Amino acid sequence: MLNARDPEASRRLETLLDRAERVGRRLPFDELRELARLYRINSARLAIMRSRGGDPDEVRYLNALCVRAYTHLRVEPPREWAFGHFFMADFPATLAATAWLQVITAALLLAGILVGVTIVSENPAALYACVPSNMYPPERLEQLANSAQQRAEFLRHTQLAFGLKSIFSAGLFVHNVQVGLSSFAAGILAGVPTVLLVLYNGLTLGAFVWIFSRDAAWPAFWAWLLPHGIPELLAVNLCSAAGLLIAKAVVAPG
């Protein structure tokens, strides 16, 4: 019966490995079980020799044998379809774990909208502070705020050239990516810029809500806004929640 102190175990293991490593050679179950037994014996012997300062050449020899044996005994974990597993398991689990942060960012956005509507309704001049000029030119914003005809023209369905649609969608995509990534990355500054960005986005949206809420055709504004606003605001909300998660790690590490 071989044990961890028997040098015959290493010779037996080497012979079995040589047989297993021949081209096209697969060990039957009995020999594979013997390989596992010899691997355990030689691993124990290797541990003993290392702890007692054994012959370095013998240690290297046993280590090489154990590495060779491990490659035959290691079992690959079952592979899962990574793409499907992400959307069916990992992503929902992440959303569930960060739901409280998403609620916070959604509440901040809603608060910004309410504040924006309130400020602009009481002081229309604040409209230009709530809506940045790079998003909407001040002169066109003034026309939109003061003319019901301009608001109706804004919401009227018109056919646009493909090039104009492409430019608009590209600009919208770039803007949303900038806002989302900024909200996420700013979390490293204790989340303060993230909170301000969410509030400011709410202010801007609130200002537009005030502009179009004074007309009888206000449902048309929501019909125009919601189809692209829901996914965009959801994306910003998730990015902001991720930023607050980083802020939590910065403020309270561990």
C-alpha atoms as a PDB file:
ATOM      1  CA  MET A   1       0.000   0.000   0.000  1.00  0.00           C
ATOM      2  CA  LEU A   2       1.591   3.283  -1.114  1.00  0.00           C
ATOM      3  CA  ASN A   3       1.739   6.275   1.226  1.00  0.00           C
ATOM      4  CA  ALA A   4       3.057   9.832   1.189  1.00  0.00           C
ATOM      5  CA  ARG A   5       6.556   8.700   2.204  1.00  0.00           C
ATOM      6  CA  ASP A   6       6.933   6.019  -0.479  1.00  0.00           C
ATOM      7  CA  PRO A   7       9.109   7.119  -3.473  1.00  0.00           C
ATOM      8  CA  GLU A   8       7.492   4.367  -5.550  1.00  0.00           C
ATOM      9  CA  ALA A   9       4.353   6.532  -5.737  1.00  0.00           C
ATOM     10  CA  SER A  10       6.143   9.151  -7.829  1.00  0.00           C
ATOM     11  CA  ARG A  11       7.455   6.560 -10.310  1.00  0.00           C
ATOM     12  CA  ARG A  12       3.978   5.007 -10.620  1.00  0.00           C
ATOM     13  CA  LEU A  13       2.463   8.445 -11.211  1.00  0.00           C
ATOM     14  CA  GLU A  14       5.039   9.315 -13.870  1.00  0.00           C
ATOM     15  CA  THR A  15       4.412   6.057 -15.728  1.00  0.00           C
ATOM     16  CA  LEU A  16       0.668   6.652 -15.695  1.00  0.00           C
ATOM     17  CA  LEU A  17       1.087  10.240 -16.883  1.00  0.00           C
ATOM     18  CA  ASP A  18       3.345   9.189 -19.745  1.00  0.00           C
ATOM     19  CA  ARG A  19       0.645   6.781 -20.862  1.00  0.00           C
ATOM     20  CA  ALA A  20      -2.072   9.412 -20.546  1.00  0.00           C
ATOM     21  CA  GLU A  21      -0.130  11.985 -22.553  1.00  0.00           C
ATOM     22  CA  ARG A  22       0.358   9.867 -25.609  1.00  0.00           C
ATOM     23  CA  VAL A  23      -1.294  11.294 -28.687  1.00  0.00           C
ATOM     24  CA  GLY A  24      -4.899  10.173 -28.880  1.00  0.00           C
ATOM     25  CA  ARG A  25      -4.675   8.271 -25.591  1.00  0.00           C
ATOM     26  CA  ARG A  26      -7.505   8.512 -23.049  1.00  0.00           C
ATOM     27  CA  LEU A  27      -7.277   6.757 -19.733  1.00  0.00           C
ATOM     28  CA  PRO A  28     -10.081   4.376 -18.793  1.00  0.00           C
ATOM     29  CA  PHE A  29     -12.033   5.070 -15.604  1.00  0.00           C
ATOM     30  CA  ASP A  30      -9.987   2.694 -13.383  1.00  0.00           C
ATOM     31  CA  GLU A  31      -6.677   4.226 -14.426  1.00  0.00           C
ATOM     32  CA  LEU A  32      -8.101   7.726 -14.056  1.00  0.00           C
ATOM     33  CA  ARG A  33      -9.167   6.879 -10.502  1.00  0.00           C
ATOM     34  CA  GLU A  34      -5.642   5.513  -9.853  1.00  0.00           C
ATOM     35  CA  LEU A  35      -4.229   8.741 -11.240  1.00  0.00           C
ATOM     36  CA  ALA A  36      -6.297  10.736  -8.750  1.00  0.00           C
ATOM     37  CA  ARG A  37      -5.123   8.532  -5.857  1.00  0.00           C
ATOM     38  CA  LEU A  38      -1.456   8.882  -6.852  1.00  0.00           C
ATOM     39  CA  TYR A  39      -1.917  12.635  -7.274  1.00  0.00           C
ATOM     40  CA  ARG A  40      -3.143  12.938  -3.682  1.00  0.00           C
ATOM     41  CA  ILE A  41      -0.266  10.811  -2.377  1.00  0.00           C
ATOM     42  CA  ASN A  42       2.390  12.799  -4.240  1.00  0.00           C
ATOM     43  CA  SER A  43       0.810  16.120  -3.299  1.00  0.00           C
ATOM     44  CA  ALA A  44       1.051  15.113   0.366  1.00  0.00           C
ATOM     45  CA  ARG A  45       4.644  13.994  -0.131  1.00  0.00           C
ATOM     46  CA  LEU A  46       5.458  17.298  -1.838  1.00  0.00           C
ATOM     47  CA  ALA A  47       3.980  19.240   1.093  1.00  0.00           C
ATOM     48  CA  ILE A  48       6.039  17.212   3.578  1.00  0.00           C
ATOM     49  CA  MET A  49       9.284  17.760   1.652  1.00  0.00           C
ATOM     50  CA  ARG A  50       8.658  21.494   1.350  1.00  0.00           C
ATOM     51  CA  SER A  51       7.915  21.890   5.039  1.00  0.00           C
ATOM     52  CA  ARG A  52      11.068  19.929   6.020  1.00  0.00           C
ATOM     53  CA  GLY A  53      13.453  21.441   3.485  1.00  0.00           C
ATOM     54  CA  GLY A  54      13.836  18.372   1.261  1.00  0.00           C
ATOM     55  CA  ASP A  55      16.111  17.974  -1.732  1.00  0.00           C
ATOM     56  CA  PRO A  56      15.344  20.919  -4.130  1.00  0.00           C
ATOM     57  CA  ASP A  57      15.657  18.710  -7.224  1.00  0.00           C
ATOM     58  CA  GLU A  58      13.227  16.188  -5.763  1.00  0.00           C
ATOM     59  CA  VAL A  59      10.832  18.979  -4.825  1.00  0.00           C
ATOM     60  CA  ARG A  60      10.900  20.362  -8.379  1.00  0.00           C
ATOM     61  CA  TYR A  61      10.389  16.869  -9.797  1.00  0.00           C
ATOM     62  CA  LEU A  62       7.378  16.174  -7.581  1.00  0.00           C
ATOM     63  CA  ASN A  63       5.927  19.617  -8.266  1.00  0.00           C
ATOM     64  CA  ALA A  64       6.145  19.018 -12.025  1.00  0.00           C
ATOM     65  CA  LEU A  65       4.437  15.639 -11.629  1.00  0.00           C
ATOM     66  CA  CYS A  66       1.594  17.146  -9.609  1.00  0.00           C
ATOM     67  CA  VAL A  67       1.089  19.916 -12.151  1.00  0.00           C
ATOM     68  CA  ARG A  68       0.909  17.350 -14.971  1.00  0.00           C
ATOM     69  CA  ALA A  69      -1.556  15.225 -13.027  1.00  0.00           C
ATOM     70  CA  TYR A  70      -3.735  18.216 -12.165  1.00  0.00           C
ATOM     71  CA  THR A  71      -4.215  19.050 -15.847  1.00  0.00           C
ATOM     72  CA  HIS A  72      -5.784  15.598 -16.336  1.00  0.00           C
ATOM     73  CA  LEU A  73      -7.933  15.747 -13.215  1.00  0.00           C
ATOM     74  CA  ARG A  74      -9.200  19.302 -13.412  1.00  0.00           C
ATOM     75  CA  VAL A  75     -12.849  19.501 -14.427  1.00  0.00           C
ATOM     76  CA  GLU A  76     -13.980  22.517 -16.433  1.00  0.00           C
ATOM     77  CA  PRO A  77     -17.016  24.253 -14.916  1.00  0.00           C
ATOM     78  CA  PRO A  78     -20.103  24.097 -17.121  1.00  0.00           C
ATOM     79  CA  ARG A  79     -20.050  26.932 -19.594  1.00  0.00           C
ATOM     80  CA  GLU A  80     -23.074  29.174 -19.698  1.00  0.00           C
ATOM     81  CA  TRP A  81     -24.106  31.399 -22.520  1.00  0.00           C
ATOM     82  CA  ALA A  82     -22.581  34.610 -21.183  1.00  0.00           C
ATOM     83  CA  PHE A  83     -24.823  36.978 -23.138  1.00  0.00           C
ATOM     84  CA  GLY A  84     -28.036  35.284 -22.092  1.00  0.00           C
ATOM     85  CA  HIS A  85     -26.869  34.723 -18.513  1.00  0.00           C
ATOM     86  CA  PHE A  86     -26.084  38.424 -18.154  1.00  0.00           C
ATOM     87  CA  PHE A  87     -29.565  39.564 -19.188  1.00  0.00           C
ATOM     88  CA  MET A  88     -31.447  36.720 -17.501  1.00  0.00           C
ATOM     89  CA  ALA A  89     -29.541  36.561 -14.193  1.00  0.00           C
ATOM     90  CA  ASP A  90     -26.713  39.039 -13.576  1.00  0.00           C
ATOM     91  CA  PHE A  91     -28.452  42.220 -14.749  1.00  0.00           C
ATOM     92  CA  PRO A  92     -31.764  41.588 -12.916  1.00  0.00           C
ATOM     93  CA  ALA A  93     -29.828  40.699  -9.746  1.00  0.00           C
ATOM     94  CA  THR A  94     -27.855  43.935 -10.000  1.00  0.00           C
ATOM     95  CA  LEU A  95     -31.029  45.969 -10.512  1.00  0.00           C
ATOM     96  CA  ALA A  96     -32.622  44.336  -7.484  1.00  0.00           C
ATOM     97  CA  ALA A  97     -29.555  44.949  -5.307  1.00  0.00           C
ATOM     98  CA  THR A  98     -29.416  48.661  -6.234  1.00  0.00           C
ATOM     99  CA  ALA A  99     -33.170  49.338  -6.267  1.00  0.00           C
ATOM    100  CA  TRP A 100     -32.928  51.726  -3.312  1.00  0.00           C
ATOM    101  CA  LEU A 101     -30.360  53.860  -5.145  1.00  0.00           C
ATOM    102  CA  GLN A 102     -32.559  53.934  -8.238  1.00  0.00           C
ATOM    103  CA  VAL A 103     -35.449  55.144  -6.099  1.00  0.00           C
ATOM    104  CA  ILE A 104     -33.240  57.937  -4.713  1.00  0.00           C
ATOM    105  CA  THR A 105     -32.144  59.115  -8.168  1.00  0.00           C
ATOM    106  CA  ALA A 106     -35.725  58.923  -9.476  1.00  0.00           C
ATOM    107  CA  ALA A 107     -36.881  61.012  -6.493  1.00  0.00           C
ATOM    108  CA  LEU A 108     -34.121  63.567  -7.183  1.00  0.00           C
ATOM    109  CA  LEU A 109     -35.157  63.798 -10.839  1.00  0.00           C
ATOM    110  CA  LEU A 110     -38.818  64.241  -9.893  1.00  0.00           C
ATOM    111  CA  ALA A 111     -37.864  66.901  -7.340  1.00  0.00           C
ATOM    112  CA  GLY A 112     -35.879  68.723 -10.038  1.00  0.00           C
ATOM    113  CA  ILE A 113     -38.886  68.630 -12.381  1.00  0.00           C
ATOM    114  CA  LEU A 114     -41.205  70.055  -9.722  1.00  0.00           C
ATOM    115  CA  VAL A 115     -38.701  72.757  -8.787  1.00  0.00           C
ATOM    116  CA  GLY A 116     -38.198  73.626 -12.456  1.00  0.00           C
ATOM    117  CA  VAL A 117     -41.935  73.978 -13.087  1.00  0.00           C
ATOM    118  CA  THR A 118     -42.349  76.081  -9.942  1.00  0.00           C
ATOM    119  CA  ILE A 119     -39.425  78.423 -10.594  1.00  0.00           C
ATOM    120  CA  VAL A 120     -40.238  79.077 -14.243  1.00  0.00           C
ATOM    121  CA  SER A 121     -43.954  79.558 -13.584  1.00  0.00           C
ATOM    122  CA  GLU A 122     -43.178  82.203 -10.956  1.00  0.00           C
ATOM    123  CA  ASN A 123     -40.313  83.808 -12.864  1.00  0.00           C
ATOM    124  CA  PRO A 124     -40.298  83.096 -16.628  1.00  0.00           C
ATOM    125  CA  ALA A 125     -36.870  84.734 -16.932  1.00  0.00           C
ATOM    126  CA  ALA A 126     -35.427  81.740 -15.077  1.00  0.00           C
ATOM    127  CA  LEU A 127     -36.240  79.656 -18.141  1.00  0.00           C
ATOM    128  CA  TYR A 128     -32.883  80.550 -19.702  1.00  0.00           C
ATOM    129  CA  ALA A 129     -31.024  79.380 -16.604  1.00  0.00           C
ATOM    130  CA  CYS A 130     -32.859  76.046 -16.555  1.00  0.00           C
ATOM    131  CA  VAL A 131     -32.376  75.239 -20.257  1.00  0.00           C
ATOM    132  CA  PRO A 132     -28.722  75.423 -21.399  1.00  0.00           C
ATOM    133  CA  SER A 133     -28.065  77.287 -24.643  1.00  0.00           C
ATOM    134  CA  ASN A 134     -26.221  74.315 -26.156  1.00  0.00           C
ATOM    135  CA  MET A 135     -29.429  72.289 -25.833  1.00  0.00           C
ATOM    136  CA  TYR A 136     -31.814  74.921 -27.183  1.00  0.00           C
ATOM    137  CA  PRO A 137     -30.846  78.410 -28.530  1.00  0.00           C
ATOM    138  CA  PRO A 138     -32.140  81.250 -26.294  1.00  0.00           C
ATOM    139  CA  GLU A 139     -33.907  83.088 -29.145  1.00  0.00           C
ATOM    140  CA  ARG A 140     -35.826  79.968 -30.189  1.00  0.00           C
ATOM    141  CA  LEU A 141     -36.541  79.191 -26.543  1.00  0.00           C
ATOM    142  CA  GLU A 142     -38.049  82.666 -26.139  1.00  0.00           C
ATOM    143  CA  GLN A 143     -40.279  82.138 -29.175  1.00  0.00           C
ATOM    144  CA  LEU A 144     -41.348  78.750 -27.855  1.00  0.00           C
ATOM    145  CA  ALA A 145     -42.217  80.187 -24.433  1.00  0.00           C
ATOM    146  CA  ASN A 146     -44.143  83.227 -25.736  1.00  0.00           C
ATOM    147  CA  SER A 147     -45.960  81.881 -28.794  1.00  0.00           C
ATOM    148  CA  ALA A 148     -48.621  79.181 -28.806  1.00  0.00           C
ATOM    149  CA  GLN A 149     -48.211  79.023 -32.589  1.00  0.00           C
ATOM    150  CA  GLN A 150     -44.506  78.214 -32.215  1.00  0.00           C
ATOM    151  CA  ARG A 151     -45.347  75.477 -29.714  1.00  0.00           C
ATOM    152  CA  ALA A 152     -47.892  73.997 -32.091  1.00  0.00           C
ATOM    153  CA  GLU A 153     -45.333  74.178 -34.907  1.00  0.00           C
ATOM    154  CA  PHE A 154     -42.778  72.449 -32.669  1.00  0.00           C
ATOM    155  CA  LEU A 155     -45.146  69.544 -32.007  1.00  0.00           C
ATOM    156  CA  ARG A 156     -46.526  69.323 -35.543  1.00  0.00           C
ATOM    157  CA  HIS A 157     -45.574  66.130 -37.353  1.00  0.00           C
ATOM    158  CA  THR A 158     -43.383  66.951 -40.350  1.00  0.00           C
ATOM    159  CA  GLN A 159     -41.308  64.895 -42.726  1.00  0.00           C
ATOM    160  CA  LEU A 160     -37.585  65.496 -42.365  1.00  0.00           C
ATOM    161  CA  ALA A 161     -34.730  64.511 -44.622  1.00  0.00           C
ATOM    162  CA  PHE A 162     -32.816  61.420 -43.628  1.00  0.00           C
ATOM    163  CA  GLY A 163     -29.659  63.461 -43.075  1.00  0.00           C
ATOM    164  CA  LEU A 164     -31.382  65.783 -40.595  1.00  0.00           C
ATOM    165  CA  LYS A 165     -32.818  62.813 -38.718  1.00  0.00           C
ATOM    166  CA  SER A 166     -29.356  61.260 -38.553  1.00  0.00           C
ATOM    167  CA  ILE A 167     -27.793  64.466 -37.220  1.00  0.00           C
ATOM    168  CA  PHE A 168     -30.531  64.879 -34.607  1.00  0.00           C
ATOM    169  CA  SER A 169     -30.351  61.271 -33.405  1.00  0.00           C
ATOM    170  CA  ALA A 170     -26.537  61.354 -33.276  1.00  0.00           C
ATOM    171  CA  GLY A 171     -26.554  64.585 -31.289  1.00  0.00           C
ATOM    172  CA  LEU A 172     -29.189  63.226 -28.924  1.00  0.00           C
ATOM    173  CA  PHE A 173     -27.212  60.018 -28.452  1.00  0.00           C
ATOM    174  CA  VAL A 174     -23.973  61.881 -27.736  1.00  0.00           C
ATOM    175  CA  HIS A 175     -25.694  64.200 -25.242  1.00  0.00           C
ATOM    176  CA  ASN A 176     -27.338  61.335 -23.365  1.00  0.00           C
ATOM    177  CA  VAL A 177     -24.087  59.372 -23.236  1.00  0.00           C
ATOM    178  CA  GLN A 178     -22.268  62.417 -21.858  1.00  0.00           C
ATOM    179  CA  VAL A 179     -24.903  62.949 -19.170  1.00  0.00           C
ATOM    180  CA  GLY A 180     -24.987  59.260 -18.230  1.00  0.00           C
ATOM    181  CA  LEU A 181     -21.221  58.781 -18.084  1.00  0.00           C
ATOM    182  CA  SER A 182     -20.752  62.075 -16.234  1.00  0.00           C
ATOM    183  CA  SER A 183     -23.347  61.046 -13.639  1.00  0.00           C
ATOM    184  CA  PHE A 184     -21.607  57.701 -13.235  1.00  0.00           C
ATOM    185  CA  ALA A 185     -18.003  58.931 -13.109  1.00  0.00           C
ATOM    186  CA  ALA A 186     -18.810  61.870 -10.827  1.00  0.00           C
ATOM    187  CA  GLY A 187     -19.744  59.405  -8.119  1.00  0.00           C
ATOM    188  CA  ILE A 188     -16.075  59.238  -7.162  1.00  0.00           C
ATOM    189  CA  LEU A 189     -16.440  62.814  -5.797  1.00  0.00           C
ATOM    190  CA  ALA A 190     -18.693  61.532  -3.009  1.00  0.00           C
ATOM    191  CA  GLY A 191     -21.675  61.679  -5.371  1.00  0.00           C
ATOM    192  CA  VAL A 192     -22.212  65.438  -5.042  1.00  0.00           C
ATOM    193  CA  PRO A 193     -21.840  66.197  -8.791  1.00  0.00           C
ATOM    194  CA  THR A 194     -24.069  63.207  -9.573  1.00  0.00           C
ATOM    195  CA  VAL A 195     -26.865  64.590  -7.405  1.00  0.00           C
ATOM    196  CA  LEU A 196     -26.483  68.058  -8.979  1.00  0.00           C
ATOM    197  CA  LEU A 197     -26.567  66.615 -12.509  1.00  0.00           C
ATOM    198  CA  VAL A 198     -29.755  64.680 -11.780  1.00  0.00           C
ATOM    199  CA  LEU A 199     -31.396  67.749 -10.262  1.00  0.00           C
ATOM    200  CA  TYR A 200     -30.343  69.959 -13.172  1.00  0.00           C
ATOM    201  CA  ASN A 201     -31.709  67.481 -15.706  1.00  0.00           C
ATOM    202  CA  GLY A 202     -34.954  67.595 -13.757  1.00  0.00           C
ATOM    203  CA  LEU A 203     -34.929  71.420 -13.865  1.00  0.00           C
ATOM    204  CA  THR A 204     -34.515  71.363 -17.652  1.00  0.00           C
ATOM    205  CA  LEU A 205     -37.320  68.876 -18.114  1.00  0.00           C
ATOM    206  CA  GLY A 206     -39.514  70.856 -15.711  1.00  0.00           C
ATOM    207  CA  ALA A 207     -38.945  74.024 -17.729  1.00  0.00           C
ATOM    208  CA  PHE A 208     -40.136  72.319 -20.918  1.00  0.00           C
ATOM    209  CA  VAL A 209     -43.115  70.866 -19.078  1.00  0.00           C
ATOM    210  CA  TRP A 210     -44.112  74.400 -18.029  1.00  0.00           C
ATOM    211  CA  ILE A 211     -43.742  75.715 -21.585  1.00  0.00           C
ATOM    212  CA  PHE A 212     -46.139  73.191 -23.084  1.00  0.00           C
ATOM    213  CA  SER A 213     -48.494  72.733 -20.114  1.00  0.00           C
ATOM    214  CA  ARG A 214     -50.243  76.053 -20.841  1.00  0.00           C
ATOM    215  CA  ASP A 215     -51.781  74.816 -24.104  1.00  0.00           C
ATOM    216  CA  ALA A 216     -54.841  72.678 -24.580  1.00  0.00           C
ATOM    217  CA  ALA A 217     -52.706  70.381 -26.732  1.00  0.00           C
ATOM    218  CA  TRP A 218     -50.414  69.450 -23.841  1.00  0.00           C
ATOM    219  CA  PRO A 219     -51.118  65.693 -24.360  1.00  0.00           C
ATOM    220  CA  ALA A 220     -49.329  66.020 -27.709  1.00  0.00           C
ATOM    221  CA  PHE A 221     -46.225  67.187 -25.840  1.00  0.00           C
ATOM    222  CA  TRP A 222     -46.222  64.059 -23.665  1.00  0.00           C
ATOM    223  CA  ALA A 223     -46.855  61.899 -26.726  1.00  0.00           C
ATOM    224  CA  TRP A 224     -43.745  63.473 -28.264  1.00  0.00           C
ATOM    225  CA  LEU A 225     -41.653  63.262 -25.091  1.00  0.00           C
ATOM    226  CA  LEU A 226     -42.390  59.842 -23.595  1.00  0.00           C
ATOM    227  CA  PRO A 227     -41.335  57.475 -26.443  1.00  0.00           C
ATOM    228  CA  HIS A 228     -37.706  58.577 -26.252  1.00  0.00           C
ATOM    229  CA  GLY A 229     -37.823  60.174 -22.806  1.00  0.00           C
ATOM    230  CA  ILE A 230     -38.595  56.950 -20.939  1.00  0.00           C
ATOM    231  CA  PRO A 231     -35.539  54.967 -22.145  1.00  0.00           C
ATOM    232  CA  GLU A 232     -33.285  58.024 -21.905  1.00  0.00           C
ATOM    233  CA  LEU A 233     -34.363  58.942 -18.384  1.00  0.00           C
ATOM    234  CA  LEU A 234     -34.172  55.287 -17.353  1.00  0.00           C
ATOM    235  CA  ALA A 235     -30.608  55.084 -18.679  1.00  0.00           C
ATOM    236  CA  VAL A 236     -29.625  58.291 -16.857  1.00  0.00           C
ATOM    237  CA  ASN A 237     -31.308  56.968 -13.714  1.00  0.00           C
ATOM    238  CA  LEU A 238     -29.299  53.721 -13.847  1.00  0.00           C
ATOM    239  CA  CYS A 239     -26.030  55.575 -14.524  1.00  0.00           C
ATOM    240  CA  SER A 240     -26.732  57.945 -11.639  1.00  0.00           C
ATOM    241  CA  ALA A 241     -27.558  55.044  -9.329  1.00  0.00           C
ATOM    242  CA  ALA A 242     -24.220  53.479 -10.280  1.00  0.00           C
ATOM    243  CA  GLY A 243     -22.540  56.806  -9.491  1.00  0.00           C
ATOM    244  CA  LEU A 244     -24.164  56.869  -6.060  1.00  0.00           C
ATOM    245  CA  LEU A 245     -22.970  53.302  -5.516  1.00  0.00           C
ATOM    246  CA  ILE A 246     -19.412  54.502  -6.149  1.00  0.00           C
ATOM    247  CA  ALA A 247     -20.060  57.438  -3.801  1.00  0.00           C
ATOM    248  CA  LYS A 248     -21.193  55.030  -1.106  1.00  0.00           C
ATOM    249  CA  ALA A 249     -17.922  53.127  -1.476  1.00  0.00           C
ATOM    250  CA  VAL A 250     -15.962  56.384  -1.218  1.00  0.00           C
ATOM    251  CA  VAL A 251     -17.839  57.756   1.782  1.00  0.00           C
ATOM    252  CA  ALA A 252     -18.163  54.435   3.633  1.00  0.00           C
ATOM    253  CA  PRO A 253     -15.525  52.037   2.247  1.00  0.00           C
ATOM    254  CA  GLY A 254     -16.012  48.385   3.047  1.00  0.00           C
END
